[in-house]
Full PDB file with SEQRES, HELIX, SHEET, SSBOND, CRYST1, ORIGX, SCALE, CONECT and MASTER records, all heavy atoms in Angstrom:
SEQRES   1 A   32  LEU GLU ASP SER SER LEU ASP GLY VAL VAL PRO ILE PRO          
SEQRES   2 A   32  LEU GLU SER GLY SER GLY GLU GLU GLU LEU GLU ARG VAL          
SEQRES   3 A   32  ILE GLN ALA VAL VAL ASP                                      
HELIX    1 AA1 GLU A   20  VAL A   31  1                                  12    
CRYST1    1.000    1.000    1.000  90.00  90.00  90.00 P 1           1          
ORIGX1      1.000000  0.000000  0.000000        0.00000                         
ORIGX2      0.000000  1.000000  0.000000        0.00000                         
ORIGX3      0.000000  0.000000  1.000000        0.00000                         
SCALE1      1.000000  0.000000  0.000000        0.00000                         
SCALE2      0.000000  1.000000  0.000000        0.00000                         
SCALE3      0.000000  0.000000  1.000000        0.00000                         
ATOM      1  N   LEU A   1      -9.293  -0.411   3.532  1.00  0.00           N  
ATOM      2  CA  LEU A   1      -9.704   0.228   4.788  1.00  0.00           C  
ATOM      3  C   LEU A   1     -10.913  -0.490   5.389  1.00  0.00           C  
ATOM      4  O   LEU A   1     -10.975  -0.731   6.593  1.00  0.00           O  
ATOM      5  CB  LEU A   1     -10.044   1.705   4.542  1.00  0.00           C  
ATOM      6  CG  LEU A   1      -8.860   2.661   4.394  1.00  0.00           C  
ATOM      7  CD1 LEU A   1      -9.337   4.034   3.931  1.00  0.00           C  
ATOM      8  CD2 LEU A   1      -8.106   2.772   5.717  1.00  0.00           C  
ATOM      9  N   GLU A   2     -11.879  -0.843   4.531  1.00  0.00           N  
ATOM     10  CA  GLU A   2     -13.066  -1.572   5.002  1.00  0.00           C  
ATOM     11  C   GLU A   2     -12.690  -2.956   5.530  1.00  0.00           C  
ATOM     12  O   GLU A   2     -13.364  -3.502   6.398  1.00  0.00           O  
ATOM     13  CB  GLU A   2     -14.082  -1.707   3.858  1.00  0.00           C  
ATOM     14  CG  GLU A   2     -14.726  -0.391   3.446  1.00  0.00           C  
ATOM     15  CD  GLU A   2     -15.632  -0.544   2.235  1.00  0.00           C  
ATOM     16  OE1 GLU A   2     -15.972  -1.692   1.873  1.00  0.00           O  
ATOM     17  OE2 GLU A   2     -15.981   0.496   1.635  1.00  0.00           O  
ATOM     18  N   ASP A   3     -11.600  -3.518   4.975  1.00  0.00           N  
ATOM     19  CA  ASP A   3     -11.164  -4.867   5.355  1.00  0.00           C  
ATOM     20  C   ASP A   3     -10.176  -4.860   6.524  1.00  0.00           C  
ATOM     21  O   ASP A   3      -9.628  -5.903   6.870  1.00  0.00           O  
ATOM     22  CB  ASP A   3     -10.476  -5.560   4.160  1.00  0.00           C  
ATOM     23  CG  ASP A   3     -11.448  -5.855   3.025  1.00  0.00           C  
ATOM     24  OD1 ASP A   3     -12.657  -5.871   3.276  1.00  0.00           O  
ATOM     25  OD2 ASP A   3     -10.981  -6.053   1.887  1.00  0.00           O  
ATOM     26  N   SER A   4      -9.956  -3.691   7.134  1.00  0.00           N  
ATOM     27  CA  SER A   4      -8.847  -3.545   8.089  1.00  0.00           C  
ATOM     28  C   SER A   4      -8.916  -4.513   9.273  1.00  0.00           C  
ATOM     29  O   SER A   4      -7.894  -4.818   9.881  1.00  0.00           O  
ATOM     30  CB  SER A   4      -8.772  -2.107   8.609  1.00  0.00           C  
ATOM     31  OG  SER A   4      -9.998  -1.738   9.213  1.00  0.00           O  
ATOM     32  N   SER A   5     -10.109  -5.035   9.559  1.00  0.00           N  
ATOM     33  CA  SER A   5     -10.228  -5.959  10.700  1.00  0.00           C  
ATOM     34  C   SER A   5      -9.980  -7.418  10.305  1.00  0.00           C  
ATOM     35  O   SER A   5      -9.955  -8.304  11.159  1.00  0.00           O  
ATOM     36  CB  SER A   5     -11.619  -5.839  11.325  1.00  0.00           C  
ATOM     37  OG  SER A   5     -12.615  -6.196  10.369  1.00  0.00           O  
ATOM     38  N   LEU A   6      -9.790  -7.682   9.009  1.00  0.00           N  
ATOM     39  CA  LEU A   6      -9.604  -9.059   8.550  1.00  0.00           C  
ATOM     40  C   LEU A   6      -8.150  -9.500   8.671  1.00  0.00           C  
ATOM     41  O   LEU A   6      -7.226  -8.698   8.489  1.00  0.00           O  
ATOM     42  CB  LEU A   6     -10.053  -9.197   7.088  1.00  0.00           C  
ATOM     43  CG  LEU A   6     -11.527  -8.876   6.772  1.00  0.00           C  
ATOM     44  CD1 LEU A   6     -11.789  -9.035   5.288  1.00  0.00           C  
ATOM     45  CD2 LEU A   6     -12.464  -9.777   7.575  1.00  0.00           C  
ATOM     46  N   ASP A   7      -7.950 -10.779   8.956  1.00  0.00           N  
ATOM     47  CA  ASP A   7      -6.598 -11.322   9.051  1.00  0.00           C  
ATOM     48  C   ASP A   7      -5.898 -11.267   7.701  1.00  0.00           C  
ATOM     49  O   ASP A   7      -6.472 -11.664   6.684  1.00  0.00           O  
ATOM     50  CB  ASP A   7      -6.632 -12.796   9.514  1.00  0.00           C  
ATOM     51  CG  ASP A   7      -6.944 -12.912  10.994  1.00  0.00           C  
ATOM     52  OD1 ASP A   7      -6.790 -11.894  11.696  1.00  0.00           O  
ATOM     53  OD2 ASP A   7      -7.338 -14.005  11.443  1.00  0.00           O  
ATOM     54  N   GLY A   8      -4.670 -10.784   7.693  1.00  0.00           N  
ATOM     55  CA  GLY A   8      -3.854 -10.836   6.483  1.00  0.00           C  
ATOM     56  C   GLY A   8      -4.057  -9.700   5.516  1.00  0.00           C  
ATOM     57  O   GLY A   8      -3.383  -9.640   4.480  1.00  0.00           O  
ATOM     58  N   VAL A   9      -5.009  -8.784   5.807  1.00  0.00           N  
ATOM     59  CA  VAL A   9      -5.268  -7.682   4.874  1.00  0.00           C  
ATOM     60  C   VAL A   9      -3.997  -6.852   4.672  1.00  0.00           C  
ATOM     61  O   VAL A   9      -3.218  -6.657   5.599  1.00  0.00           O  
ATOM     62  CB  VAL A   9      -6.426  -6.792   5.371  1.00  0.00           C  
ATOM     63  CG1 VAL A   9      -6.064  -6.108   6.673  1.00  0.00           C  
ATOM     64  CG2 VAL A   9      -6.805  -5.758   4.306  1.00  0.00           C  
ATOM     65  N   VAL A  10      -3.796  -6.380   3.433  1.00  0.00           N  
ATOM     66  CA  VAL A  10      -2.630  -5.557   3.117  1.00  0.00           C  
ATOM     67  C   VAL A  10      -3.111  -4.129   2.859  1.00  0.00           C  
ATOM     68  O   VAL A  10      -3.784  -3.876   1.862  1.00  0.00           O  
ATOM     69  CB  VAL A  10      -1.884  -6.084   1.874  1.00  0.00           C  
ATOM     70  CG1 VAL A  10      -0.654  -5.229   1.600  1.00  0.00           C  
ATOM     71  CG2 VAL A  10      -1.503  -7.547   2.055  1.00  0.00           C  
ATOM     72  N   PRO A  11      -2.801  -3.178   3.749  1.00  0.00           N  
ATOM     73  CA  PRO A  11      -3.210  -1.793   3.508  1.00  0.00           C  
ATOM     74  C   PRO A  11      -2.434  -1.191   2.337  1.00  0.00           C  
ATOM     75  O   PRO A  11      -1.320  -1.616   2.038  1.00  0.00           O  
ATOM     76  CB  PRO A  11      -2.859  -1.081   4.827  1.00  0.00           C  
ATOM     77  CG  PRO A  11      -1.818  -1.932   5.467  1.00  0.00           C  
ATOM     78  CD  PRO A  11      -2.055  -3.342   5.014  1.00  0.00           C  
ATOM     79  N   ILE A  12      -3.050  -0.213   1.672  1.00  0.00           N  
ATOM     80  CA  ILE A  12      -2.402   0.450   0.533  1.00  0.00           C  
ATOM     81  C   ILE A  12      -2.164   1.907   0.911  1.00  0.00           C  
ATOM     82  O   ILE A  12      -3.110   2.696   1.000  1.00  0.00           O  
ATOM     83  CB  ILE A  12      -3.278   0.353  -0.730  1.00  0.00           C  
ATOM     84  CG1 ILE A  12      -3.537  -1.122  -1.084  1.00  0.00           C  
ATOM     85  CG2 ILE A  12      -2.619   1.079  -1.898  1.00  0.00           C  
ATOM     86  CD1 ILE A  12      -4.570  -1.323  -2.189  1.00  0.00           C  
ATOM     87  N   PRO A  13      -0.911   2.290   1.159  1.00  0.00           N  
ATOM     88  CA  PRO A  13      -0.626   3.660   1.603  1.00  0.00           C  
ATOM     89  C   PRO A  13      -0.841   4.679   0.490  1.00  0.00           C  
ATOM     90  O   PRO A  13      -0.807   4.341  -0.694  1.00  0.00           O  
ATOM     91  CB  PRO A  13       0.852   3.599   2.008  1.00  0.00           C  
ATOM     92  CG  PRO A  13       1.419   2.471   1.201  1.00  0.00           C  
ATOM     93  CD  PRO A  13       0.312   1.477   1.030  1.00  0.00           C  
ATOM     94  N   LEU A  14      -1.071   5.919   0.873  1.00  0.00           N  
ATOM     95  CA  LEU A  14      -1.118   7.019  -0.089  1.00  0.00           C  
ATOM     96  C   LEU A  14       0.305   7.408  -0.457  1.00  0.00           C  
ATOM     97  O   LEU A  14       1.228   7.231   0.344  1.00  0.00           O  
ATOM     98  CB  LEU A  14      -1.833   8.222   0.530  1.00  0.00           C  
ATOM     99  CG  LEU A  14      -3.353   8.113   0.699  1.00  0.00           C  
ATOM    100  CD1 LEU A  14      -3.848   9.180   1.664  1.00  0.00           C  
ATOM    101  CD2 LEU A  14      -4.064   8.261  -0.644  1.00  0.00           C  
ATOM    102  N   GLU A  15       0.460   7.936  -1.665  1.00  0.00           N  
ATOM    103  CA  GLU A  15       1.780   8.446  -2.055  1.00  0.00           C  
ATOM    104  C   GLU A  15       1.955   9.836  -1.439  1.00  0.00           C  
ATOM    105  O   GLU A  15       1.086  10.695  -1.581  1.00  0.00           O  
ATOM    106  CB  GLU A  15       1.866   8.569  -3.581  1.00  0.00           C  
ATOM    107  CG  GLU A  15       1.944   7.245  -4.313  1.00  0.00           C  
ATOM    108  CD  GLU A  15       1.958   7.483  -5.819  1.00  0.00           C  
ATOM    109  OE1 GLU A  15       3.036   7.765  -6.352  1.00  0.00           O  
ATOM    110  OE2 GLU A  15       0.881   7.388  -6.427  1.00  0.00           O  
ATOM    111  N   SER A  16       3.070  10.044  -0.754  1.00  0.00           N  
ATOM    112  CA  SER A  16       3.296  11.355  -0.136  1.00  0.00           C  
ATOM    113  C   SER A  16       4.330  12.168  -0.905  1.00  0.00           C  
ATOM    114  O   SER A  16       4.535  13.335  -0.641  1.00  0.00           O  
ATOM    115  CB  SER A  16       3.766  11.181   1.312  1.00  0.00           C  
ATOM    116  OG  SER A  16       4.947  10.398   1.346  1.00  0.00           O  
ATOM    117  N   GLY A  17       4.988  11.545  -1.875  1.00  0.00           N  
ATOM    118  CA  GLY A  17       5.988  12.253  -2.679  1.00  0.00           C  
ATOM    119  C   GLY A  17       6.059  11.622  -4.052  1.00  0.00           C  
ATOM    120  O   GLY A  17       5.130  10.960  -4.482  1.00  0.00           O  
ATOM    121  N   SER A  18       7.163  11.856  -4.734  1.00  0.00           N  
ATOM    122  CA  SER A  18       7.281  11.316  -6.087  1.00  0.00           C  
ATOM    123  C   SER A  18       8.519  10.448  -6.264  1.00  0.00           C  
ATOM    124  O   SER A  18       8.937  10.190  -7.385  1.00  0.00           O  
ATOM    125  CB  SER A  18       7.298  12.461  -7.102  1.00  0.00           C  
ATOM    126  OG  SER A  18       8.362  13.353  -6.795  1.00  0.00           O  
ATOM    127  N   GLY A  19       9.102  10.016  -5.144  1.00  0.00           N  
ATOM    128  CA  GLY A  19      10.310   9.200  -5.237  1.00  0.00           C  
ATOM    129  C   GLY A  19      10.030   7.833  -5.844  1.00  0.00           C  
ATOM    130  O   GLY A  19       8.975   7.234  -5.611  1.00  0.00           O  
ATOM    131  N   GLU A  20      10.970   7.333  -6.629  1.00  0.00           N  
ATOM    132  CA  GLU A  20      10.819   6.034  -7.287  1.00  0.00           C  
ATOM    133  C   GLU A  20      10.661   4.912  -6.271  1.00  0.00           C  
ATOM    134  O   GLU A  20       9.860   3.996  -6.452  1.00  0.00           O  
ATOM    135  CB  GLU A  20      12.058   5.778  -8.157  1.00  0.00           C  
ATOM    136  CG  GLU A  20      11.916   4.622  -9.140  1.00  0.00           C  
ATOM    137  CD  GLU A  20      10.875   4.882 -10.216  1.00  0.00           C  
ATOM    138  OE1 GLU A  20      10.678   6.047 -10.597  1.00  0.00           O  
ATOM    139  OE2 GLU A  20      10.252   3.907 -10.668  1.00  0.00           O  
ATOM    140  N   GLU A  21      11.411   5.035  -5.178  1.00  0.00           N  
ATOM    141  CA  GLU A  21      11.367   3.996  -4.149  1.00  0.00           C  
ATOM    142  C   GLU A  21       9.990   3.919  -3.494  1.00  0.00           C  
ATOM    143  O   GLU A  21       9.447   2.845  -3.268  1.00  0.00           O  
ATOM    144  CB  GLU A  21      12.435   4.304  -3.082  1.00  0.00           C  
ATOM    145  CG  GLU A  21      12.720   3.116  -2.172  1.00  0.00           C  
ATOM    146  CD  GLU A  21      13.877   3.414  -1.224  1.00  0.00           C  
ATOM    147  OE1 GLU A  21      14.930   3.891  -1.688  1.00  0.00           O  
ATOM    148  OE2 GLU A  21      13.699   3.164  -0.024  1.00  0.00           O  
ATOM    149  N   GLU A  22       9.414   5.096  -3.228  1.00  0.00           N  
ATOM    150  CA  GLU A  22       8.094   5.128  -2.603  1.00  0.00           C  
ATOM    151  C   GLU A  22       7.024   4.589  -3.565  1.00  0.00           C  
ATOM    152  O   GLU A  22       6.123   3.858  -3.158  1.00  0.00           O  
ATOM    153  CB  GLU A  22       7.719   6.544  -2.172  1.00  0.00           C  
ATOM    154  CG  GLU A  22       6.419   6.537  -1.364  1.00  0.00           C  
ATOM    155  CD  GLU A  22       5.831   7.922  -1.177  1.00  0.00           C  
ATOM    156  OE1 GLU A  22       6.215   8.834  -1.914  1.00  0.00           O  
ATOM    157  OE2 GLU A  22       4.972   8.052  -0.317  1.00  0.00           O  
ATOM    158  N   LEU A  23       7.142   4.958  -4.844  1.00  0.00           N  
ATOM    159  CA  LEU A  23       6.190   4.460  -5.837  1.00  0.00           C  
ATOM    160  C   LEU A  23       6.211   2.933  -5.874  1.00  0.00           C  
ATOM    161  O   LEU A  23       5.153   2.291  -5.900  1.00  0.00           O  
ATOM    162  CB  LEU A  23       6.534   5.022  -7.218  1.00  0.00           C  
ATOM    163  CG  LEU A  23       5.679   4.502  -8.391  1.00  0.00           C  
ATOM    164  CD1 LEU A  23       4.212   4.848  -8.180  1.00  0.00           C  
ATOM    165  CD2 LEU A  23       6.181   5.070  -9.709  1.00  0.00           C  
ATOM    166  N   GLU A  24       7.399   2.351  -5.850  1.00  0.00           N  
ATOM    167  CA  GLU A  24       7.519   0.890  -5.856  1.00  0.00           C  
ATOM    168  C   GLU A  24       6.873   0.279  -4.619  1.00  0.00           C  
ATOM    169  O   GLU A  24       6.260  -0.786  -4.681  1.00  0.00           O  
ATOM    170  CB  GLU A  24       8.998   0.476  -5.932  1.00  0.00           C  
ATOM    171  CG  GLU A  24       9.582   0.550  -7.338  1.00  0.00           C  
ATOM    172  CD  GLU A  24       8.855  -0.371  -8.323  1.00  0.00           C  
ATOM    173  OE1 GLU A  24       8.737  -1.585  -8.046  1.00  0.00           O  
ATOM    174  OE2 GLU A  24       8.387   0.126  -9.361  1.00  0.00           O  
ATOM    175  N   ARG A  25       7.007   0.986  -3.485  1.00  0.00           N  
ATOM    176  CA  ARG A  25       6.417   0.491  -2.225  1.00  0.00           C  
ATOM    177  C   ARG A  25       4.885   0.459  -2.317  1.00  0.00           C  
ATOM    178  O   ARG A  25       4.248  -0.500  -1.895  1.00  0.00           O  
ATOM    179  CB  ARG A  25       6.868   1.395  -1.074  1.00  0.00           C  
ATOM    180  CG  ARG A  25       6.414   0.946   0.305  1.00  0.00           C  
ATOM    181  CD  ARG A  25       7.107   1.778   1.388  1.00  0.00           C  
ATOM    182  NE  ARG A  25       6.774   3.201   1.284  1.00  0.00           N  
ATOM    183  CZ  ARG A  25       5.720   3.751   1.876  1.00  0.00           C  
ATOM    184  NH1 ARG A  25       4.884   3.007   2.596  1.00  0.00           N  
ATOM    185  NH2 ARG A  25       5.484   5.045   1.753  1.00  0.00           N  
ATOM    186  N   VAL A  26       4.303   1.522  -2.906  1.00  0.00           N  
ATOM    187  CA  VAL A  26       2.843   1.580  -3.050  1.00  0.00           C  
ATOM    188  C   VAL A  26       2.361   0.523  -4.043  1.00  0.00           C  
ATOM    189  O   VAL A  26       1.376  -0.188  -3.798  1.00  0.00           O  
ATOM    190  CB  VAL A  26       2.390   2.990  -3.489  1.00  0.00           C  
ATOM    191  CG1 VAL A  26       0.872   3.013  -3.700  1.00  0.00           C  
ATOM    192  CG2 VAL A  26       2.783   4.028  -2.447  1.00  0.00           C  
ATOM    193  N   ILE A  27       3.059   0.408  -5.169  1.00  0.00           N  
ATOM    194  CA  ILE A  27       2.680  -0.597  -6.172  1.00  0.00           C  
ATOM    195  C   ILE A  27       2.752  -2.005  -5.562  1.00  0.00           C  
ATOM    196  O   ILE A  27       1.846  -2.823  -5.771  1.00  0.00           O  
ATOM    197  CB  ILE A  27       3.576  -0.483  -7.427  1.00  0.00           C  
ATOM    198  CG1 ILE A  27       3.185   0.760  -8.236  1.00  0.00           C  
ATOM    199  CG2 ILE A  27       3.464  -1.741  -8.303  1.00  0.00           C  
ATOM    200  CD1 ILE A  27       4.055   1.029  -9.452  1.00  0.00           C  
ATOM    201  N   GLN A  28       3.794  -2.277  -4.796  1.00  0.00           N  
ATOM    202  CA  GLN A  28       3.922  -3.598  -4.173  1.00  0.00           C  
ATOM    203  C   GLN A  28       2.776  -3.862  -3.203  1.00  0.00           C  
ATOM    204  O   GLN A  28       2.269  -4.981  -3.106  1.00  0.00           O  
ATOM    205  CB  GLN A  28       5.269  -3.730  -3.442  1.00  0.00           C  
ATOM    206  CG  GLN A  28       5.561  -5.138  -2.936  1.00  0.00           C  
ATOM    207  CD  GLN A  28       5.610  -6.165  -4.056  1.00  0.00           C  
ATOM    208  OE1 GLN A  28       6.324  -5.990  -5.034  1.00  0.00           O  
ATOM    209  NE2 GLN A  28       4.842  -7.250  -3.920  1.00  0.00           N  
ATOM    210  N   ALA A  29       2.323  -2.817  -2.501  1.00  0.00           N  
ATOM    211  CA  ALA A  29       1.184  -2.975  -1.584  1.00  0.00           C  
ATOM    212  C   ALA A  29      -0.082  -3.341  -2.353  1.00  0.00           C  
ATOM    213  O   ALA A  29      -0.874  -4.194  -1.919  1.00  0.00           O  
ATOM    214  CB  ALA A  29       0.976  -1.688  -0.787  1.00  0.00           C  
ATOM    215  N   VAL A  30      -0.281  -2.692  -3.517  1.00  0.00           N  
ATOM    216  CA  VAL A  30      -1.452  -3.013  -4.356  1.00  0.00           C  
ATOM    217  C   VAL A  30      -1.361  -4.466  -4.826  1.00  0.00           C  
ATOM    218  O   VAL A  30      -2.344  -5.225  -4.756  1.00  0.00           O  
ATOM    219  CB  VAL A  30      -1.544  -2.060  -5.567  1.00  0.00           C  
ATOM    220  CG1 VAL A  30      -2.727  -2.466  -6.463  1.00  0.00           C  
ATOM    221  CG2 VAL A  30      -1.701  -0.618  -5.111  1.00  0.00           C  
ATOM    222  N   VAL A  31      -0.178  -4.861  -5.294  1.00  0.00           N  
ATOM    223  CA  VAL A  31       0.037  -6.241  -5.756  1.00  0.00           C  
ATOM    224  C   VAL A  31      -0.289  -7.232  -4.643  1.00  0.00           C  
ATOM    225  O   VAL A  31      -1.027  -8.207  -4.843  1.00  0.00           O  
ATOM    226  CB  VAL A  31       1.504  -6.436  -6.231  1.00  0.00           C  
ATOM    227  CG1 VAL A  31       1.796  -7.915  -6.479  1.00  0.00           C  
ATOM    228  CG2 VAL A  31       1.766  -5.619  -7.493  1.00  0.00           C  
ATOM    229  N   ASP A  32       0.245  -6.973  -3.452  1.00  0.00           N  
ATOM    230  CA  ASP A  32       0.045  -7.890  -2.320  1.00  0.00           C  
ATOM    231  C   ASP A  32      -1.421  -7.931  -1.896  1.00  0.00           C  
ATOM    232  O   ASP A  32      -1.938  -8.990  -1.534  1.00  0.00           O  
ATOM    233  CB  ASP A  32       0.922  -7.470  -1.132  1.00  0.00           C  
ATOM    234  CG  ASP A  32       2.403  -7.669  -1.413  1.00  0.00           C  
ATOM    235  OD1 ASP A  32       2.731  -8.409  -2.360  1.00  0.00           O  
ATOM    236  OD2 ASP A  32       3.227  -7.073  -0.697  1.00  0.00           O  
TER     237      ASP A  32                                                      
MASTER        0    0    0    1    0    0    0    6  236    1    0    3          
END                                                                             
């Protein structure tokens, strides 16, 4: 969030449910 103005920053979404697909999406955001 603090880096939001930087080029290429990857935001990390909050988990809104417990679906496996969503969990993978959040983990991939952290990785990126």
